[in-house]
Structures are given as C-alpha cells and as structure tokens.
Amino acid sequence: MSSKNSTISKAGHRRQVVIPKQLCEDLGFREGDFVEVTRTKGGVLIRPKKRIEGDDVLTLEDAKSLRRGLRQMKEGQTRAWKTIKDELDR
C-alpha cells in the first residue's frame, strides 16, 4: 500500500536503498551523513544521526569564550584579521 508521502525504491546489490532526491532535500540529508536504522513492528525507521567526536565537544571554558566572542561580534567589536596578525607578529 502506498501513501501520498511514500515512494518505492529497490534494494541494490549491497543492500543499499536509494532515498529519493526530493525526500533527502526535504529532510536535509547530504552525501556522507550518518543515519540511524531501527527495526520497527511494521518495517524500518531511518533517521539522521549526528556523530560527535571527542574533539568536537567544547569545554566549559571554551563555551564561555565562544559566547563572549559572539556577543562582541553582535556589538560590532571586531577587528580585521590583518590588524590582529600584525599585532601578533610584533
């Protein structure tokens, strides 16, 4: 049975299933993204899954520094990279 929101795809040689382009665009899927595949009572559920590497997690100090920097940007407290680089080279 097919509904308005479903599409039929075919399983390929390596059990790969193509998700239609429009559906991928609607869901924000991009090539290389990870998905979580869960068996359900009546089929399979596929959801986007974001991987977080250990290096991607901010420390509390890093998060505080980032918030401070974002606030400064919003307040217009910015300087050109060339100026900063020149100051560091002194």
N, C-alpha and C. Protein backbone atom coordinates (compact mmCIF):
# COMPACT_ATOMS: atom_id res chain seq x y z
N MET A 1 0.84 -1.18 0.00
CA MET A 1 0.00 0.00 0.00
C MET A 1 0.88 1.24 0.00
N SER A 2 0.58 2.19 -0.84
CA SER A 2 1.38 3.39 -0.98
C SER A 2 0.57 4.61 -0.57
N SER A 3 1.20 5.49 0.20
CA SER A 3 0.51 6.72 0.59
C SER A 3 1.10 7.90 -0.16
N LYS A 4 0.51 9.05 0.05
CA LYS A 4 0.95 10.28 -0.61
C LYS A 4 2.41 10.61 -0.32
N ASN A 5 2.92 10.21 0.88
CA ASN A 5 4.28 10.54 1.29
C ASN A 5 5.27 9.40 1.09
N SER A 6 4.90 8.37 0.35
CA SER A 6 5.82 7.24 0.18
C SER A 6 6.27 7.10 -1.26
N THR A 7 7.41 6.48 -1.42
CA THR A 7 7.98 6.20 -2.72
C THR A 7 8.54 4.78 -2.67
N ILE A 8 8.52 4.10 -3.77
CA ILE A 8 9.08 2.75 -3.82
C ILE A 8 10.50 2.82 -4.34
N SER A 9 11.41 2.16 -3.60
CA SER A 9 12.80 2.05 -4.00
C SER A 9 13.15 0.57 -4.04
N LYS A 10 14.25 0.27 -4.70
CA LYS A 10 14.68 -1.12 -4.84
C LYS A 10 15.99 -1.32 -4.10
N ALA A 11 16.11 -2.42 -3.37
CA ALA A 11 17.37 -2.74 -2.69
C ALA A 11 18.40 -3.16 -3.73
N GLY A 12 19.59 -2.60 -3.64
CA GLY A 12 20.65 -2.89 -4.59
C GLY A 12 21.51 -4.07 -4.19
N HIS A 13 22.56 -4.29 -4.95
CA HIS A 13 23.47 -5.43 -4.79
C HIS A 13 24.00 -5.55 -3.37
N ARG A 14 24.36 -4.45 -2.75
CA ARG A 14 24.94 -4.48 -1.40
C ARG A 14 23.92 -4.03 -0.34
N ARG A 15 22.67 -4.34 -0.55
CA ARG A 15 21.56 -4.00 0.35
C ARG A 15 21.38 -2.49 0.48
N GLN A 16 21.87 -1.73 -0.50
CA GLN A 16 21.72 -0.28 -0.48
C GLN A 16 20.36 0.09 -1.04
N VAL A 17 19.72 1.05 -0.38
CA VAL A 17 18.42 1.54 -0.81
C VAL A 17 18.57 3.03 -1.09
N VAL A 18 18.08 3.47 -2.23
CA VAL A 18 18.17 4.88 -2.62
C VAL A 18 16.99 5.64 -2.02
N ILE A 19 17.30 6.71 -1.31
CA ILE A 19 16.25 7.60 -0.81
C ILE A 19 16.06 8.66 -1.88
N PRO A 20 14.84 8.87 -2.35
CA PRO A 20 14.60 9.82 -3.43
C PRO A 20 15.16 11.21 -3.13
N LYS A 21 15.67 11.86 -4.17
CA LYS A 21 16.34 13.15 -4.04
C LYS A 21 15.49 14.19 -3.32
N GLN A 22 14.23 14.32 -3.70
CA GLN A 22 13.38 15.34 -3.08
C GLN A 22 13.20 15.09 -1.59
N LEU A 23 13.07 13.83 -1.21
CA LEU A 23 12.92 13.49 0.20
C LEU A 23 14.20 13.82 0.97
N CYS A 24 15.35 13.51 0.37
CA CYS A 24 16.63 13.86 1.00
C CYS A 24 16.74 15.36 1.20
N GLU A 25 16.38 16.12 0.17
CA GLU A 25 16.44 17.58 0.27
C GLU A 25 15.49 18.09 1.34
N ASP A 26 14.28 17.53 1.38
CA ASP A 26 13.29 17.95 2.38
C ASP A 26 13.80 17.68 3.80
N LEU A 27 14.51 16.57 3.99
CA LEU A 27 15.00 16.18 5.32
C LEU A 27 16.38 16.73 5.64
N GLY A 28 17.04 17.33 4.64
CA GLY A 28 18.37 17.88 4.87
C GLY A 28 19.47 16.84 4.85
N PHE A 29 19.21 15.66 4.29
CA PHE A 29 20.25 14.63 4.16
C PHE A 29 21.26 15.07 3.13
N ARG A 30 22.52 14.81 3.41
CA ARG A 30 23.59 15.09 2.46
C ARG A 30 24.47 13.85 2.33
N GLU A 31 25.15 13.74 1.20
CA GLU A 31 26.05 12.61 0.99
C GLU A 31 27.06 12.56 2.14
N GLY A 32 27.25 11.38 2.69
CA GLY A 32 28.20 11.20 3.78
C GLY A 32 27.58 11.32 5.17
N ASP A 33 26.33 11.80 5.25
CA ASP A 33 25.65 11.89 6.54
C ASP A 33 25.42 10.48 7.08
N PHE A 34 25.38 10.38 8.40
CA PHE A 34 25.06 9.11 9.03
C PHE A 34 23.56 9.05 9.29
N VAL A 35 23.03 7.84 9.26
CA VAL A 35 21.63 7.63 9.58
C VAL A 35 21.54 6.50 10.60
N GLU A 36 20.51 6.57 11.41
CA GLU A 36 20.22 5.50 12.36
C GLU A 36 19.10 4.67 11.75
N VAL A 37 19.31 3.37 11.67
CA VAL A 37 18.31 2.47 11.08
C VAL A 37 17.77 1.59 12.21
N THR A 38 16.45 1.67 12.43
CA THR A 38 15.81 0.95 13.53
C THR A 38 14.71 0.04 12.99
N ARG A 39 14.72 -1.18 13.44
CA ARG A 39 13.65 -2.11 13.06
C ARG A 39 12.42 -1.77 13.89
N THR A 40 11.28 -1.66 13.23
CA THR A 40 10.02 -1.38 13.92
C THR A 40 9.08 -2.56 13.70
N LYS A 41 7.95 -2.53 14.35
CA LYS A 41 6.99 -3.63 14.23
C LYS A 41 6.57 -3.86 12.79
N GLY A 42 6.37 -2.77 12.05
CA GLY A 42 5.89 -2.92 10.69
C GLY A 42 6.91 -2.63 9.61
N GLY A 43 8.18 -2.36 9.97
CA GLY A 43 9.16 -2.04 8.93
C GLY A 43 10.46 -1.49 9.49
N VAL A 44 10.92 -0.42 8.88
CA VAL A 44 12.21 0.17 9.23
C VAL A 44 12.06 1.67 9.35
N LEU A 45 12.69 2.25 10.35
CA LEU A 45 12.71 3.69 10.55
C LEU A 45 14.13 4.18 10.30
N ILE A 46 14.28 5.20 9.44
CA ILE A 46 15.59 5.77 9.14
C ILE A 46 15.58 7.22 9.59
N ARG A 47 16.54 7.58 10.47
CA ARG A 47 16.63 8.95 10.98
C ARG A 47 18.04 9.48 10.83
N PRO A 48 18.19 10.79 10.62
CA PRO A 48 19.53 11.36 10.58
C PRO A 48 20.20 11.18 11.93
N LYS A 49 21.49 10.94 11.92
CA LYS A 49 22.23 10.73 13.16
C LYS A 49 23.51 11.54 13.09
N LYS A 50 23.67 12.46 13.99
CA LYS A 50 24.88 13.28 14.04
C LYS A 50 25.90 12.60 14.93
N ARG A 51 27.09 12.42 14.41
CA ARG A 51 28.19 11.86 15.21
C ARG A 51 28.94 12.98 15.86
N ILE A 52 29.29 12.81 17.09
CA ILE A 52 30.08 13.80 17.80
C ILE A 52 31.39 13.15 18.20
N GLU A 53 32.46 13.70 17.71
CA GLU A 53 33.79 13.22 18.06
C GLU A 53 34.21 13.88 19.37
N GLY A 54 35.09 13.24 20.10
CA GLY A 54 35.57 13.79 21.37
C GLY A 54 36.15 15.18 21.22
N ASP A 55 36.82 15.43 20.10
CA ASP A 55 37.43 16.75 19.87
C ASP A 55 36.38 17.82 19.57
N ASP A 56 35.15 17.42 19.23
CA ASP A 56 34.11 18.37 18.86
C ASP A 56 33.37 18.94 20.07
N VAL A 57 33.62 18.41 21.24
CA VAL A 57 32.91 18.85 22.44
C VAL A 57 33.66 20.01 23.08
N LEU A 58 32.94 21.09 23.34
CA LEU A 58 33.55 22.25 23.96
C LEU A 58 33.66 22.07 25.47
N THR A 59 34.77 22.53 26.02
CA THR A 59 34.87 22.58 27.47
C THR A 59 34.04 23.77 27.94
N LEU A 60 33.77 23.84 29.23
CA LEU A 60 33.01 24.98 29.75
C LEU A 60 33.74 26.29 29.47
N GLU A 61 35.06 26.27 29.58
CA GLU A 61 35.86 27.48 29.31
C GLU A 61 35.76 27.87 27.83
N ASP A 62 35.84 26.87 26.94
CA ASP A 62 35.71 27.15 25.50
C ASP A 62 34.33 27.73 25.17
N ALA A 63 33.28 27.15 25.76
CA ALA A 63 31.92 27.62 25.51
C ALA A 63 31.76 29.06 25.99
N LYS A 64 32.33 29.38 27.14
CA LYS A 64 32.27 30.75 27.68
C LYS A 64 32.99 31.72 26.74
N SER A 65 34.15 31.32 26.26
CA SER A 65 34.92 32.16 25.34
C SER A 65 34.16 32.37 24.03
N LEU A 66 33.53 31.31 23.54
CA LEU A 66 32.75 31.41 22.31
C LEU A 66 31.57 32.36 22.49
N ARG A 67 30.85 32.24 23.61
CA ARG A 67 29.73 33.14 23.87
C ARG A 67 30.19 34.59 23.94
N ARG A 68 31.34 34.82 24.58
CA ARG A 68 31.89 36.17 24.68
C ARG A 68 32.22 36.71 23.29
N GLY A 69 32.85 35.89 22.45
CA GLY A 69 33.19 36.30 21.10
C GLY A 69 31.96 36.61 20.26
N LEU A 70 30.93 35.77 20.37
CA LEU A 70 29.69 36.02 19.62
C LEU A 70 29.03 37.32 20.08
N ARG A 71 29.03 37.55 21.40
CA ARG A 71 28.46 38.80 21.92
C ARG A 71 29.23 40.01 21.39
N GLN A 72 30.55 39.93 21.37
CA GLN A 72 31.37 41.02 20.86
C GLN A 72 31.08 41.28 19.38
N MET A 73 30.89 40.21 18.62
CA MET A 73 30.58 40.38 17.20
C MET A 73 29.24 41.09 17.02
N LYS A 74 28.23 40.67 17.79
CA LYS A 74 26.92 41.30 17.71
C LYS A 74 26.99 42.78 18.06
N GLU A 75 27.89 43.13 18.98
CA GLU A 75 28.04 44.52 19.42
C GLU A 75 28.96 45.31 18.50
N GLY A 76 29.46 44.66 17.45
CA GLY A 76 30.32 45.35 16.50
C GLY A 76 31.76 45.53 16.95
N GLN A 77 32.15 44.79 17.96
CA GLN A 77 33.51 44.89 18.48
C GLN A 77 34.42 43.91 17.72
N THR A 78 34.68 44.24 16.47
CA THR A 78 35.51 43.37 15.64
C THR A 78 36.70 44.13 15.10
N ARG A 79 37.73 43.38 14.70
CA ARG A 79 38.91 43.97 14.08
C ARG A 79 39.30 43.10 12.89
N ALA A 80 39.94 43.71 11.92
CA ALA A 80 40.37 42.98 10.72
C ALA A 80 41.45 41.97 11.09
N TRP A 81 41.43 40.80 10.45
CA TRP A 81 42.42 39.76 10.71
C TRP A 81 43.84 40.28 10.47
N LYS A 82 44.03 41.09 9.44
CA LYS A 82 45.37 41.63 9.15
C LYS A 82 45.89 42.44 10.34
N THR A 83 45.02 43.22 10.96
CA THR A 83 45.43 44.01 12.13
C THR A 83 45.87 43.11 13.27
N ILE A 84 45.10 42.08 13.52
CA ILE A 84 45.43 41.15 14.60
C ILE A 84 46.74 40.44 14.29
N LYS A 85 46.90 39.99 13.05
CA LYS A 85 48.11 39.28 12.66
C LYS A 85 49.33 40.18 12.81
N ASP A 86 49.20 41.43 12.38
CA ASP A 86 50.32 42.38 12.53
C ASP A 86 50.69 42.57 14.00
N GLU A 87 49.70 42.63 14.87
CA GLU A 87 49.96 42.80 16.31
C GLU A 87 50.65 41.56 16.87
N LEU A 88 50.28 40.38 16.41
CA LEU A 88 50.89 39.16 16.88
C LEU A 88 52.33 39.00 16.40
N ASP A 89 52.63 39.56 15.23
CA ASP A 89 53.97 39.45 14.65
C ASP A 89 54.97 40.38 15.31
N ARG A 90 54.51 41.35 16.07
CA ARG A 90 55.41 42.31 16.72
C ARG A 90 56.22 41.70 17.81
